[in-house]
């Protein structure tokens, strides 16, 4: 049987590291730091893209809201003009349960639909 010899760095106690072991550990730390930075950079790019998409969505939704408000204001003004015109003709104006605008003669006869969707 032959005796096996072990190299010095394998049997070196933890507190007594050779220069080669220290270099290896330092190189590994540098490599891990680079991997960490690469990961963080990729994560930052992903977050920046998500933020850009969110900001575009916010802008689009803001434009849609502004358009809807403009349309609603136009409809409100149209209804006010219609109500004013009907009242100036001596009619009473009201809403059905379905939300249709109706005009009734001042004497209370059967209502007449004044706006779309208005069968009373």
PDB file of N, CA and C in Angstrom:
ATOM      1  N   UNK A   1       0.833  -1.158   0.000  1.00  0.00           N
ATOM      2  CA  UNK A   1       0.000   0.000   0.000  1.00  0.00           C
ATOM      3  C   UNK A   1       0.884   1.229   0.000  1.00  0.00           C
ATOM      4  N   UNK A   2       0.448   2.191  -0.805  1.00  0.00           N
ATOM      5  CA  UNK A   2       1.233   3.405  -0.875  1.00  0.00           C
ATOM      6  C   UNK A   2       0.580   4.489  -0.051  1.00  0.00           C
ATOM      7  N   UNK A   3       1.369   5.295   0.516  1.00  0.00           N
ATOM      8  CA  UNK A   3       0.849   6.394   1.325  1.00  0.00           C
ATOM      9  C   UNK A   3       0.497   7.553   0.408  1.00  0.00           C
ATOM     10  N   UNK A   4      -0.628   8.162   0.667  1.00  0.00           N
ATOM     11  CA  UNK A   4      -1.043   9.309  -0.133  1.00  0.00           C
ATOM     12  C   UNK A   4      -0.638  10.575   0.599  1.00  0.00           C
ATOM     13  N   UNK A   5      -0.205  11.497  -0.171  1.00  0.00           N
ATOM     14  CA  UNK A   5       0.167  12.779   0.424  1.00  0.00           C
ATOM     15  C   UNK A   5      -0.885  13.802   0.064  1.00  0.00           C
ATOM     16  N   UNK A   6      -1.104  14.688   0.948  1.00  0.00           N
ATOM     17  CA  UNK A   6      -2.087  15.754   0.686  1.00  0.00           C
ATOM     18  C   UNK A   6      -1.340  17.053   0.502  1.00  0.00           C
ATOM     19  N   UNK A   7      -1.899  17.893  -0.335  1.00  0.00           N
ATOM     20  CA  UNK A   7      -1.251  19.180  -0.551  1.00  0.00           C
ATOM     21  C   UNK A   7      -1.500  20.080   0.648  1.00  0.00           C
ATOM     22  N   UNK A   8      -0.678  21.053   0.801  1.00  0.00           N
ATOM     23  CA  UNK A   8      -0.720  21.915   1.980  1.00  0.00           C
ATOM     24  C   UNK A   8      -2.004  22.737   2.052  1.00  0.00           C
ATOM     25  N   UNK A   9      -2.508  23.197   0.913  1.00  0.00           N
ATOM     26  CA  UNK A   9      -3.685  24.074   0.960  1.00  0.00           C
ATOM     27  C   UNK A   9      -4.961  23.324   1.341  1.00  0.00           C
ATOM     28  N   UNK A  10      -5.005  22.017   1.155  1.00  0.00           N
ATOM     29  CA  UNK A  10      -6.178  21.257   1.532  1.00  0.00           C
ATOM     30  C   UNK A  10      -6.242  21.094   3.043  1.00  0.00           C
ATOM     31  N   UNK A  11      -5.117  20.960   3.664  1.00  0.00           N
ATOM     32  CA  UNK A  11      -5.087  20.727   5.099  1.00  0.00           C
ATOM     33  C   UNK A  11      -4.901  22.003   5.899  1.00  0.00           C
ATOM     34  N   UNK A  12      -4.898  23.127   5.239  1.00  0.00           N
ATOM     35  CA  UNK A  12      -4.673  24.383   5.942  1.00  0.00           C
ATOM     36  C   UNK A  12      -5.902  24.732   6.771  1.00  0.00           C
ATOM     37  N   UNK A  13      -5.721  25.065   8.026  1.00  0.00           N
ATOM     38  CA  UNK A  13      -6.869  25.444   8.852  1.00  0.00           C
ATOM     39  C   UNK A  13      -7.511  26.727   8.337  1.00  0.00           C
ATOM     40  N   UNK A  14      -8.806  26.964   8.635  1.00  0.00           N
ATOM     41  CA  UNK A  14      -9.544  28.112   8.106  1.00  0.00           C
ATOM     42  C   UNK A  14      -8.880  29.449   8.391  1.00  0.00           C
ATOM     43  N   UNK A  15      -8.274  29.641   9.501  1.00  0.00           N
ATOM     44  CA  UNK A  15      -7.667  30.938   9.810  1.00  0.00           C
ATOM     45  C   UNK A  15      -6.344  31.154   9.129  1.00  0.00           C
ATOM     46  N   UNK A  16      -5.764  30.119   8.532  1.00  0.00           N
ATOM     47  CA  UNK A  16      -4.433  30.205   7.925  1.00  0.00           C
ATOM     48  C   UNK A  16      -4.552  29.964   6.428  1.00  0.00           C
ATOM     49  N   UNK A  17      -5.127  30.893   5.709  1.00  0.00           N
ATOM     50  CA  UNK A  17      -5.350  30.718   4.276  1.00  0.00           C
ATOM     51  C   UNK A  17      -4.120  31.179   3.503  1.00  0.00           C
ATOM     52  N   UNK A  18      -3.815  30.426   2.495  1.00  0.00           N
ATOM     53  CA  UNK A  18      -2.683  30.799   1.667  1.00  0.00           C
ATOM     54  C   UNK A  18      -3.082  31.939   0.741  1.00  0.00           C
ATOM     55  N   UNK A  19      -2.120  32.540   0.108  1.00  0.00           N
ATOM     56  CA  UNK A  19      -2.366  33.655  -0.808  1.00  0.00           C
ATOM     57  C   UNK A  19      -3.224  33.214  -1.984  1.00  0.00           C
ATOM     58  N   UNK A  20      -3.029  31.973  -2.428  1.00  0.00           N
ATOM     59  CA  UNK A  20      -3.804  31.468  -3.569  1.00  0.00           C
ATOM     60  C   UNK A  20      -5.288  31.337  -3.210  1.00  0.00           C
ATOM     61  N   UNK A  21      -5.580  30.858  -2.029  1.00  0.00           N
ATOM     62  CA  UNK A  21      -6.964  30.718  -1.578  1.00  0.00           C
ATOM     63  C   UNK A  21      -7.606  32.094  -1.448  1.00  0.00           C
ATOM     64  N   UNK A  22      -6.861  33.030  -0.897  1.00  0.00           N
ATOM     65  CA  UNK A  22      -7.392  34.396  -0.768  1.00  0.00           C
ATOM     66  C   UNK A  22      -7.687  34.998  -2.130  1.00  0.00           C
ATOM     67  N   UNK A  23      -6.799  34.757  -3.115  1.00  0.00           N
ATOM     68  CA  UNK A  23      -7.030  35.262  -4.470  1.00  0.00           C
ATOM     69  C   UNK A  23      -8.287  34.645  -5.080  1.00  0.00           C
ATOM     70  N   UNK A  24      -8.462  33.344  -4.869  1.00  0.00           N
ATOM     71  CA  UNK A  24      -9.633  32.645  -5.407  1.00  0.00           C
ATOM     72  C   UNK A  24     -10.912  33.201  -4.799  1.00  0.00           C
ATOM     73  N   UNK A  25     -10.895  33.398  -3.504  1.00  0.00           N
ATOM     74  CA  UNK A  25     -12.085  33.951  -2.837  1.00  0.00           C
ATOM     75  C   UNK A  25     -12.368  35.363  -3.334  1.00  0.00           C
ATOM     76  N   UNK A  26     -11.329  36.159  -3.491  1.00  0.00           N
ATOM     77  CA  UNK A  26     -11.501  37.525  -3.988  1.00  0.00           C
ATOM     78  C   UNK A  26     -12.070  37.521  -5.409  1.00  0.00           C
ATOM     79  N   UNK A  27     -11.563  36.600  -6.254  1.00  0.00           N
ATOM     80  CA  UNK A  27     -12.069  36.501  -7.627  1.00  0.00           C
ATOM     81  C   UNK A  27     -13.538  36.080  -7.632  1.00  0.00           C
ATOM     82  N   UNK A  28     -13.886  35.139  -6.758  1.00  0.00           N
ATOM     83  CA  UNK A  28     -15.291  34.712  -6.670  1.00  0.00           C
ATOM     84  C   UNK A  28     -16.188  35.857  -6.214  1.00  0.00           C
ATOM     85  N   UNK A  29     -15.736  36.627  -5.254  1.00  0.00           N
ATOM     86  CA  UNK A  29     -16.524  37.781  -4.783  1.00  0.00           C
ATOM     87  C   UNK A  29     -16.749  38.789  -5.902  1.00  0.00           C
ATOM     88  N   UNK A  30     -15.699  39.041  -6.687  1.00  0.00           N
ATOM     89  CA  UNK A  30     -15.834  39.977  -7.815  1.00  0.00           C
ATOM     90  C   UNK A  30     -16.850  39.458  -8.829  1.00  0.00           C
ATOM     91  N   UNK A  31     -16.751  38.145  -9.108  1.00  0.00           N
ATOM     92  CA  UNK A  31     -17.673  37.551 -10.077  1.00  0.00           C
ATOM     93  C   UNK A  31     -19.107  37.633  -9.571  1.00  0.00           C
ATOM     94  N   UNK A  32     -19.308  37.341  -8.287  1.00  0.00           N
ATOM     95  CA  UNK A  32     -20.649  37.428  -7.704  1.00  0.00           C
ATOM     96  C   UNK A  32     -21.159  38.871  -7.734  1.00  0.00           C
ATOM     97  N   UNK A  33     -20.281  39.822  -7.461  1.00  0.00           N
ATOM     98  CA  UNK A  33     -20.683  41.231  -7.517  1.00  0.00           C
ATOM     99  C   UNK A  33     -21.107  41.619  -8.922  1.00  0.00           C
ATOM    100  N   UNK A  34     -20.365  41.146  -9.932  1.00  0.00           N
ATOM    101  CA  UNK A  34     -20.739  41.444 -11.320  1.00  0.00           C
ATOM    102  C   UNK A  34     -22.082  40.818 -11.661  1.00  0.00           C
ATOM    103  N   UNK A  35     -22.292  39.573 -11.230  1.00  0.00           N
ATOM    104  CA  UNK A  35     -23.576  38.902 -11.486  1.00  0.00           C
ATOM    105  C   UNK A  35     -24.708  39.666 -10.807  1.00  0.00           C
ATOM    106  N   UNK A  36     -24.453  40.105  -9.592  1.00  0.00           N
ATOM    107  CA  UNK A  36     -25.463  40.862  -8.857  1.00  0.00           C
ATOM    108  C   UNK A  36     -25.791  42.172  -9.581  1.00  0.00           C
ATOM    109  N   UNK A  37     -24.750  42.867 -10.026  1.00  0.00           N
ATOM    110  CA  UNK A  37     -24.985  44.120 -10.768  1.00  0.00           C
ATOM    111  C   UNK A  37     -25.723  43.864 -12.073  1.00  0.00           C
ATOM    112  N   UNK A  38     -25.345  42.803 -12.779  1.00  0.00           N
ATOM    113  CA  UNK A  38     -26.050  42.473 -14.026  1.00  0.00           C
ATOM    114  C   UNK A  38     -27.524  42.190 -13.752  1.00  0.00           C
ATOM    115  N   UNK A  39     -27.782  41.444 -12.686  1.00  0.00           N
ATOM    116  CA  UNK A  39     -29.172  41.141 -12.318  1.00  0.00           C
ATOM    117  C   UNK A  39     -29.930  42.426 -11.977  1.00  0.00           C
ATOM    118  N   UNK A  40     -29.304  43.294 -11.194  1.00  0.00           N
ATOM    119  CA  UNK A  40     -29.968  44.546 -10.811  1.00  0.00           C
ATOM    120  C   UNK A  40     -30.208  45.437 -12.019  1.00  0.00           C
ATOM    121  N   UNK A  41     -29.260  45.479 -12.926  1.00  0.00           N
ATOM    122  CA  UNK A  41     -29.442  46.284 -14.150  1.00  0.00           C
ATOM    123  C   UNK A  41     -30.619  45.754 -14.974  1.00  0.00           C
ATOM    124  N   UNK A  42     -30.673  44.437 -15.133  1.00  0.00           N
ATOM    125  CA  UNK A  42     -31.779  43.835 -15.894  1.00  0.00           C
ATOM    126  C   UNK A  42     -33.110  44.115 -15.204  1.00  0.00           C
ATOM    127  N   UNK A  43     -33.120  44.029 -13.887  1.00  0.00           N
ATOM    128  CA  UNK A  43     -34.353  44.309 -13.134  1.00  0.00           C
ATOM    129  C   UNK A  43     -34.764  45.775 -13.301  1.00  0.00           C
ATOM    130  N   UNK A  44     -33.796  46.679 -13.291  1.00  0.00           N
ATOM    131  CA  UNK A  44     -34.086  48.106 -13.489  1.00  0.00           C
ATOM    132  C   UNK A  44     -34.672  48.359 -14.879  1.00  0.00           C
ATOM    133  N   UNK A  45     -34.131  47.694 -15.875  1.00  0.00           N
ATOM    134  CA  UNK A  45     -34.652  47.839 -17.243  1.00  0.00           C
ATOM    135  C   UNK A  45     -36.101  47.359 -17.299  1.00  0.00           C
ATOM    136  N   UNK A  46     -36.357  46.208 -16.667  1.00  0.00           N
ATOM    137  CA  UNK A  46     -37.727  45.670 -16.646  1.00  0.00           C
ATOM    138  C   UNK A  46     -38.675  46.634 -15.950  1.00  0.00           C
ATOM    139  N   UNK A  47     -38.266  47.162 -14.807  1.00  0.00           N
ATOM    140  CA  UNK A  47     -39.117  48.113 -14.076  1.00  0.00           C
ATOM    141  C   UNK A  47     -39.326  49.398 -14.868  1.00  0.00           C
ATOM    142  N   UNK A  48     -38.296  49.863 -15.543  1.00  0.00           N
ATOM    143  CA  UNK A  48     -38.427  51.080 -16.364  1.00  0.00           C
ATOM    144  C   UNK A  48     -39.432  50.857 -17.487  1.00  0.00           C
ATOM    145  N   UNK A  49     -39.394  49.676 -18.107  1.00  0.00           N
ATOM    146  CA  UNK A  49     -40.359  49.368 -19.173  1.00  0.00           C
ATOM    147  C   UNK A  49     -41.782  49.307 -18.624  1.00  0.00           C
ATOM    148  N   UNK A  50     -41.935  48.677 -17.464  1.00  0.00           N
ATOM    149  CA  UNK A  50     -43.269  48.599 -16.849  1.00  0.00           C
ATOM    150  C   UNK A  50     -43.776  49.990 -16.486  1.00  0.00           C
ATOM    151  N   UNK A  51     -42.897  50.843 -15.981  1.00  0.00           N
ATOM    152  CA  UNK A  51     -43.287  52.210 -15.640  1.00  0.00           C
ATOM    153  C   UNK A  51     -43.712  52.977 -16.880  1.00  0.00           C
ATOM    154  N   UNK A  52     -42.954  52.819 -17.957  1.00  0.00           N
ATOM    155  CA  UNK A  52     -43.295  53.494 -19.215  1.00  0.00           C
ATOM    156  C   UNK A  52     -44.669  53.052 -19.718  1.00  0.00           C
ATOM    157  N   UNK A  53     -44.944  51.739 -19.643  1.00  0.00           N
ATOM    158  CA  UNK A  53     -46.253  51.222 -20.059  1.00  0.00           C
ATOM    159  C   UNK A  53     -47.363  51.772 -19.167  1.00  0.00           C
ATOM    160  N   UNK A  54     -47.110  51.836 -17.868  1.00  0.00           N
ATOM    161  CA  UNK A  54     -48.112  52.358 -16.932  1.00  0.00           C
ATOM    162  C   UNK A  54     -48.390  53.831 -17.208  1.00  0.00           C
ATOM    163  N   UNK A  55     -47.348  54.591 -17.486  1.00  0.00           N
ATOM    164  CA  UNK A  55     -47.540  56.012 -17.775  1.00  0.00           C
ATOM    165  C   UNK A  55     -48.315  56.200 -19.076  1.00  0.00           C
ATOM    166  N   UNK A  56     -48.046  55.363 -20.073  1.00  0.00           N
ATOM    167  CA  UNK A  56     -48.803  55.439 -21.331  1.00  0.00           C
ATOM    168  C   UNK A  56     -50.272  55.092 -21.092  1.00  0.00           C
ATOM    169  N   UNK A  57     -50.527  54.099 -20.249  1.00  0.00           N
ATOM    170  CA  UNK A  57     -51.905  53.720 -19.914  1.00  0.00           C
ATOM    171  C   UNK A  57     -52.606  54.859 -19.185  1.00  0.00           C
ATOM    172  N   UNK A  58     -51.917  55.478 -18.248  1.00  0.00           N
ATOM    173  CA  UNK A  58     -52.493  56.614 -17.516  1.00  0.00           C
ATOM    174  C   UNK A  58     -52.843  57.739 -18.480  1.00  0.00           C
ATOM    175  N   UNK A  59     -51.940  58.025 -19.407  1.00  0.00           N
ATOM    176  CA  UNK A  59     -52.190  59.097 -20.372  1.00  0.00           C
ATOM    177  C   UNK A  59     -53.406  58.779 -21.247  1.00  0.00           C
ATOM    178  N   UNK A  60     -53.471  57.510 -21.714  1.00  0.00           N
ATOM    179  CA  UNK A  60     -54.607  57.115 -22.561  1.00  0.00           C
ATOM    180  C   UNK A  60     -55.919  57.198 -21.793  1.00  0.00           C
ATOM    181  N   UNK A  61     -55.918  56.705 -20.559  1.00  0.00           N
ATOM    182  CA  UNK A  61     -57.140  56.736 -19.752  1.00  0.00           C
ATOM    183  C   UNK A  61     -57.544  58.166 -19.400  1.00  0.00           C
ATOM    184  N   UNK A  62     -56.573  59.029 -19.177  1.00  0.00           N
ATOM    185  CA  UNK A  62     -56.877  60.433 -18.904  1.00  0.00           C
ATOM    186  C   UNK A  62     -57.542  61.080 -20.114  1.00  0.00           C
ATOM    187  N   UNK A  63     -57.022  60.767 -21.303  1.00  0.00           N
ATOM    188  CA  UNK A  63     -57.635  61.301 -22.525  1.00  0.00           C
ATOM    189  C   UNK A  63     -59.055  60.765 -22.705  1.00  0.00           C
ATOM    190  N   UNK A  64     -59.256  59.465 -22.429  1.00  0.00           N
ATOM    191  CA  UNK A  64     -60.592  58.881 -22.535  1.00  0.00           C
ATOM    192  C   UNK A  64     -61.548  59.522 -21.535  1.00  0.00           C
ATOM    193  N   UNK A  65     -61.068  59.756 -20.310  1.00  0.00           N
ATOM    194  CA  UNK A  65     -61.910  60.393 -19.292  1.00  0.00           C
ATOM    195  C   UNK A  65     -62.284  61.810 -19.723  1.00  0.00           C
ATOM    196  N   UNK A  66     -61.299  62.552 -20.226  1.00  0.00           N
ATOM    197  CA  UNK A  66     -61.569  63.923 -20.670  1.00  0.00           C
ATOM    198  C   UNK A  66     -62.586  63.931 -21.808  1.00  0.00           C
ATOM    199  N   UNK A  67     -62.460  62.972 -22.726  1.00  0.00           N
ATOM    200  CA  UNK A  67     -63.406  62.881 -23.835  1.00  0.00           C
ATOM    201  C   UNK A  67     -64.804  62.546 -23.320  1.00  0.00           C
ATOM    202  N   UNK A  68     -64.888  61.596 -22.386  1.00  0.00           N
ATOM    203  CA  UNK A  68     -66.189  61.216 -21.827  1.00  0.00           C
ATOM    204  C   UNK A  68     -66.826  62.391 -21.087  1.00  0.00           C
ATOM    205  N   UNK A  69     -66.024  63.139 -20.346  1.00  0.00           N
ATOM    206  CA  UNK A  69     -66.555  64.315 -19.646  1.00  0.00           C
ATOM    207  C   UNK A  69     -67.072  65.350 -20.642  1.00  0.00           C
ATOM    208  N   UNK A  70     -66.338  65.515 -21.726  1.00  0.00           N
ATOM    209  CA  UNK A  70     -66.761  66.467 -22.757  1.00  0.00           C
ATOM    210  C   UNK A  70     -68.091  66.033 -23.386  1.00  0.00           C
ATOM    211  N   UNK A  71     -68.210  64.746 -23.705  1.00  0.00           N
ATOM    212  CA  UNK A  71     -69.465  64.228 -24.267  1.00  0.00           C
ATOM    213  C   UNK A  71     -70.610  64.388 -23.273  1.00  0.00           C
ATOM    214  N   UNK A  72     -70.353  64.072 -22.007  1.00  0.00           N
ATOM    215  CA  UNK A  72     -71.396  64.187 -20.983  1.00  0.00           C
ATOM    216  C   UNK A  72     -71.844  65.640 -20.835  1.00  0.00           C
ATOM    217  N   UNK A  73     -70.910  66.559 -20.862  1.00  0.00           N
ATOM    218  CA  UNK A  73     -71.247  67.979 -20.759  1.00  0.00           C
ATOM    219  C   UNK A  73     -72.084  68.410 -21.959  1.00  0.00           C
ATOM    220  N   UNK A  74     -71.732  67.910 -23.152  1.00  0.00           N
ATOM    221  CA  UNK A  74     -72.513  68.220 -24.355  1.00  0.00           C
ATOM    222  C   UNK A  74     -73.941  67.698 -24.241  1.00  0.00           C
ATOM    223  N   UNK A  75     -74.095  66.454 -23.759  1.00  0.00           N
ATOM    224  CA  UNK A  75     -75.426  65.883 -23.568  1.00  0.00           C
ATOM    225  C   UNK A  75     -76.222  66.688 -22.543  1.00  0.00           C
ATOM    226  N   UNK A  76     -75.564  67.072 -21.448  1.00  0.00           N
ATOM    227  CA  UNK A  76     -76.257  67.855 -20.409  1.00  0.00           C
ATOM    228  C   UNK A  76     -76.754  69.180 -20.984  1.00  0.00           C
ATOM    229  N   UNK A  77     -75.909  69.842 -21.766  1.00  0.00           N
ATOM    230  CA  UNK A  77     -76.310  71.111 -22.379  1.00  0.00           C
ATOM    231  C   UNK A  77     -77.473  70.908 -23.353  1.00  0.00           C
ATOM    232  N   UNK A  78     -77.427  69.817 -24.132  1.00  0.00           N
ATOM    233  CA  UNK A  78     -78.529  69.511 -25.060  1.00  0.00           C
ATOM    234  C   UNK A  78     -79.839  69.305 -24.304  1.00  0.00           C
ATOM    235  N   UNK A  79     -79.795  68.562 -23.192  1.00  0.00           N
ATOM    236  CA  UNK A  79     -80.999  68.312 -22.401  1.00  0.00           C
ATOM    237  C   UNK A  79     -81.515  69.622 -21.806  1.00  0.00           C
ATOM    238  N   UNK A  80     -80.614  70.462 -21.319  1.00  0.00           N
ATOM    239  CA  UNK A  80     -81.057  71.757 -20.776  1.00  0.00           C
ATOM    240  C   UNK A  80     -81.750  72.593 -21.847  1.00  0.00           C
ATOM    241  N   UNK A  81     -81.191  72.617 -23.066  1.00  0.00           N
ATOM    242  CA  UNK A  81     -81.833  73.370 -24.163  1.00  0.00           C
ATOM    243  C   UNK A  81     -83.196  72.772 -24.503  1.00  0.00           C
ATOM    244  N   UNK A  82     -83.275  71.432 -24.532  1.00  0.00           N
ATOM    245  CA  UNK A  82     -84.536  70.760 -24.832  1.00  0.00           C
ATOM    246  C   UNK A  82     -85.579  71.078 -23.761  1.00  0.00           C
ATOM    247  N   UNK A  83     -85.174  70.993 -22.492  1.00  0.00           N
ATOM    248  CA  UNK A  83     -86.106  71.281 -21.396  1.00  0.00           C
ATOM    249  C   UNK A  83     -86.572  72.734 -21.479  1.00  0.00           C
ATOM    250  N   UNK A  84     -85.661  73.645 -21.723  1.00  0.00           N
ATOM    251  CA  UNK A  84     -86.025  75.060 -21.836  1.00  0.00           C
ATOM    252  C   UNK A  84     -87.004  75.274 -22.984  1.00  0.00           C
ATOM    253  N   UNK A  85     -86.733  74.643 -24.139  1.00  0.00           N
ATOM    254  CA  UNK A  85     -87.623  74.793 -25.298  1.00  0.00           C
ATOM    255  C   UNK A  85     -89.010  74.218 -25.008  1.00  0.00           C
ATOM    256  N   UNK A  86     -89.060  73.045 -24.379  1.00  0.00           N
ATOM    257  CA  UNK A  86     -90.351  72.429 -24.086  1.00  0.00           C
ATOM    258  C   UNK A  86     -91.122  73.226 -23.042  1.00  0.00           C
ATOM    259  N   UNK A  87     -90.433  73.706 -22.029  1.00  0.00           N
ATOM    260  CA  UNK A  87     -91.110  74.497 -20.996  1.00  0.00           C
ATOM    261  C   UNK A  87     -91.619  75.816 -21.566  1.00  0.00           C
ATOM    262  N   UNK A  88     -90.897  76.359 -22.534  1.00  0.00           N
ATOM    263  CA  UNK A  88     -91.374  77.612 -23.146  1.00  0.00           C
ATOM    264  C   UNK A  88     -92.619  77.378 -23.992  1.00  0.00           C
ATOM    265  N   UNK A  89     -92.890  76.132 -24.380  1.00  0.00           N
ATOM    266  CA  UNK A  89     -94.105  75.773 -25.115  1.00  0.00           C
ATOM    267  C   UNK A  89     -95.221  75.374 -24.153  1.00  0.00           C
ATOM    268  N   UNK A  90     -95.000  75.511 -22.875  1.00  0.00           N
ATOM    269  CA  UNK A  90     -96.027  75.207 -21.894  1.00  0.00           C
ATOM    270  C   UNK A  90     -96.074  73.745 -21.489  1.00  0.00           C
ATOM    271  N   UNK A  91     -95.045  72.991 -21.723  1.00  0.00           N
ATOM    272  CA  UNK A  91     -95.038  71.581 -21.358  1.00  0.00           C
ATOM    273  C   UNK A  91     -94.241  71.371 -20.063  1.00  0.00           C
ATOM    274  N   UNK A  92     -94.610  70.315 -19.367  1.00  0.00           N
ATOM    275  CA  UNK A  92     -93.841  69.912 -18.183  1.00  0.00           C
ATOM    276  C   UNK A  92     -92.899  68.803 -18.624  1.00  0.00           C
ATOM    277  N   UNK A  93     -91.691  68.853 -18.127  1.00  0.00           N
ATOM    278  CA  UNK A  93     -90.670  67.884 -18.533  1.00  0.00           C
ATOM    279  C   UNK A  93     -90.334  67.001 -17.343  1.00  0.00           C
ATOM    280  N   UNK A  94     -90.171  65.708 -17.617  1.00  0.00           N
ATOM    281  CA  UNK A  94     -89.804  64.770 -16.562  1.00  0.00           C
ATOM    282  C   UNK A  94     -89.011  63.607 -17.128  1.00  0.00           C
ATOM    283  N   UNK A  95     -88.682  62.670 -16.251  1.00  0.00           N
ATOM    284  CA  UNK A  95     -87.940  61.472 -16.647  1.00  0.00           C
ATOM    285  C   UNK A  95     -88.772  60.243 -16.335  1.00  0.00           C
ATOM    286  N   UNK A  96     -88.670  59.260 -17.219  1.00  0.00           N
ATOM    287  CA  UNK A  96     -89.311  57.975 -16.934  1.00  0.00           C
ATOM    288  C   UNK A  96     -88.393  57.175 -16.012  1.00  0.00           C
ATOM    289  N   UNK A  97     -88.861  56.043 -15.525  1.00  0.00           N
ATOM    290  CA  UNK A  97     -88.026  55.181 -14.696  1.00  0.00           C
ATOM    291  C   UNK A  97     -86.820  54.643 -15.478  1.00  0.00           C
ATOM    292  N   UNK A  98     -86.936  54.595 -16.789  1.00  0.00           N
ATOM    293  CA  UNK A  98     -85.836  54.134 -17.649  1.00  0.00           C
ATOM    294  C   UNK A  98     -84.842  55.249 -17.950  1.00  0.00           C
ATOM    295  N   UNK A  99     -85.141  56.475 -17.537  1.00  0.00           N
ATOM    296  CA  UNK A  99     -84.229  57.586 -17.750  1.00  0.00           C
ATOM    297  C   UNK A  99     -84.514  58.402 -18.999  1.00  0.00           C
ATOM    298  N   UNK A 100     -85.632  58.152 -19.664  1.00  0.00           N
ATOM    299  CA  UNK A 100     -85.974  58.916 -20.864  1.00  0.00           C
ATOM    300  C   UNK A 100     -86.622  60.237 -20.462  1.00  0.00           C
ATOM    301  N   UNK A 101     -86.295  61.288 -21.210  1.00  0.00           N
ATOM    302  CA  UNK A 101     -86.908  62.592 -20.977  1.00  0.00           C
ATOM    303  C   UNK A 101     -88.269  62.596 -21.667  1.00  0.00           C
ATOM    304  N   UNK A 102     -89.309  62.993 -20.933  1.00  0.00           N
ATOM    305  CA  UNK A 102     -90.650  63.065 -21.510  1.00  0.00           C
ATOM    306  C   UNK A 102     -91.222  64.449 -21.269  1.00  0.00           C
ATOM    307  N   UNK A 103     -92.095  64.855 -22.188  1.00  0.00           N
ATOM    308  CA  UNK A 103     -92.769  66.148 -22.065  1.00  0.00           C
ATOM    309  C   UNK A 103     -94.265  65.901 -21.998  1.00  0.00           C
ATOM    310  N   UNK A 104     -94.916  66.504 -21.025  1.00  0.00           N
ATOM    311  CA  UNK A 104     -96.367  66.350 -20.878  1.00  0.00           C
ATOM    312  C   UNK A 104     -96.985  67.737 -21.001  1.00  0.00           C
ATOM    313  N   UNK A 105     -98.143  67.780 -21.596  1.00  0.00           N
ATOM    314  CA  UNK A 105     -98.832  69.072 -21.645  1.00  0.00           C
ATOM    315  C   UNK A 105     -99.093  69.557 -20.210  1.00  0.00           C
ATOM    316  N   UNK A 106     -99.194  70.826 -20.056  1.00  0.00           N
ATOM    317  CA  UNK A 106     -99.398  71.408 -18.730  1.00  0.00           C
ATOM    318  C   UNK A 106    -100.661  70.876 -18.066  1.00  0.00           C
ATOM    319  N   UNK A 107    -101.645  70.464 -18.849  1.00  0.00           N
ATOM    320  CA  UNK A 107    -102.896  69.979 -18.260  1.00  0.00           C
ATOM    321  C   UNK A 107    -102.803  68.518 -17.796  1.00  0.00           C
ATOM    322  N   UNK A 108    -101.687  67.821 -18.001  1.00  0.00           N
ATOM    323  CA  UNK A 108    -101.495  66.478 -17.476  1.00  0.00           C
ATOM    324  C   UNK A 108    -101.941  65.363 -18.391  1.00  0.00           C
ATOM    325  N   UNK A 109    -102.127  65.588 -19.682  1.00  0.00           N
ATOM    326  CA  UNK A 109    -102.506  64.535 -20.628  1.00  0.00           C
ATOM    327  C   UNK A 109    -101.362  63.520 -20.749  1.00  0.00           C
ATOM    328  N   UNK A 110    -101.588  62.491 -21.548  1.00  0.00           N
ATOM    329  CA  UNK A 110    -100.583  61.419 -21.726  1.00  0.00           C
ATOM    330  C   UNK A 110     -99.239  61.995 -22.165  1.00  0.00           C
ATOM    331  N   UNK A 111     -98.154  61.474 -21.615  1.00  0.00           N
ATOM    332  CA  UNK A 111     -96.839  62.007 -21.950  1.00  0.00           C
ATOM    333  C   UNK A 111     -96.425  61.686 -23.371  1.00  0.00           C
ATOM    334  N   UNK A 112     -95.593  62.535 -23.902  1.00  0.00           N
ATOM    335  CA  UNK A 112     -95.027  62.382 -25.242  1.00  0.00           C
ATOM    336  C   UNK A 112     -93.539  62.223 -25.059  1.00  0.00           C
ATOM    337  N   UNK A 113     -92.928  61.233 -25.711  1.00  0.00           N
ATOM    338  CA  UNK A 113     -91.474  61.045 -25.595  1.00  0.00           C
ATOM    339  C   UNK A 113     -90.771  62.210 -26.267  1.00  0.00           C
ATOM    340  N   UNK A 114     -89.885  62.858 -25.517  1.00  0.00           N
ATOM    341  CA  UNK A 114     -89.165  63.992 -26.065  1.00  0.00           C
ATOM    342  C   UNK A 114     -87.734  63.633 -26.398  1.00  0.00           C
ATOM    343  N   UNK A 115     -87.264  62.545 -25.906  1.00  0.00           N
ATOM    344  CA  UNK A 115     -85.900  62.127 -26.205  1.00  0.00           C
ATOM    345  C   UNK A 115     -85.898  60.640 -26.481  1.00  0.00           C
ATOM    346  N   UNK A 116     -84.813  60.163 -27.041  1.00  0.00           N
ATOM    347  CA  UNK A 116     -84.701  58.762 -27.437  1.00  0.00           C
ATOM    348  C   UNK A 116     -84.931  57.825 -26.267  1.00  0.00           C
ATOM    349  N   UNK A 117     -85.569  56.681 -26.532  1.00  0.00           N
ATOM    350  CA  UNK A 117     -85.844  55.691 -25.495  1.00  0.00           C
ATOM    351  C   UNK A 117     -86.993  56.049 -24.615  1.00  0.00           C
ATOM    352  N   UNK A 118     -87.893  56.856 -25.095  1.00  0.00           N
ATOM    353  CA  UNK A 118     -88.866  57.426 -24.186  1.00  0.00           C
ATOM    354  C   UNK A 118     -90.287  56.994 -24.308  1.00  0.00           C
ATOM    355  N   UNK A 119     -90.601  55.745 -24.382  1.00  0.00           N
ATOM    356  CA  UNK A 119     -92.004  55.368 -24.273  1.00  0.00           C
ATOM    357  C   UNK A 119     -92.364  55.365 -22.805  1.00  0.00           C
ATOM    358  N   UNK A 120     -93.369  56.091 -22.435  1.00  0.00           N
ATOM    359  CA  UNK A 120     -93.698  56.255 -21.005  1.00  0.00           C
ATOM    360  C   UNK A 120     -94.638  55.220 -20.510  1.00  0.00           C
TER     361      UNK A 120
END
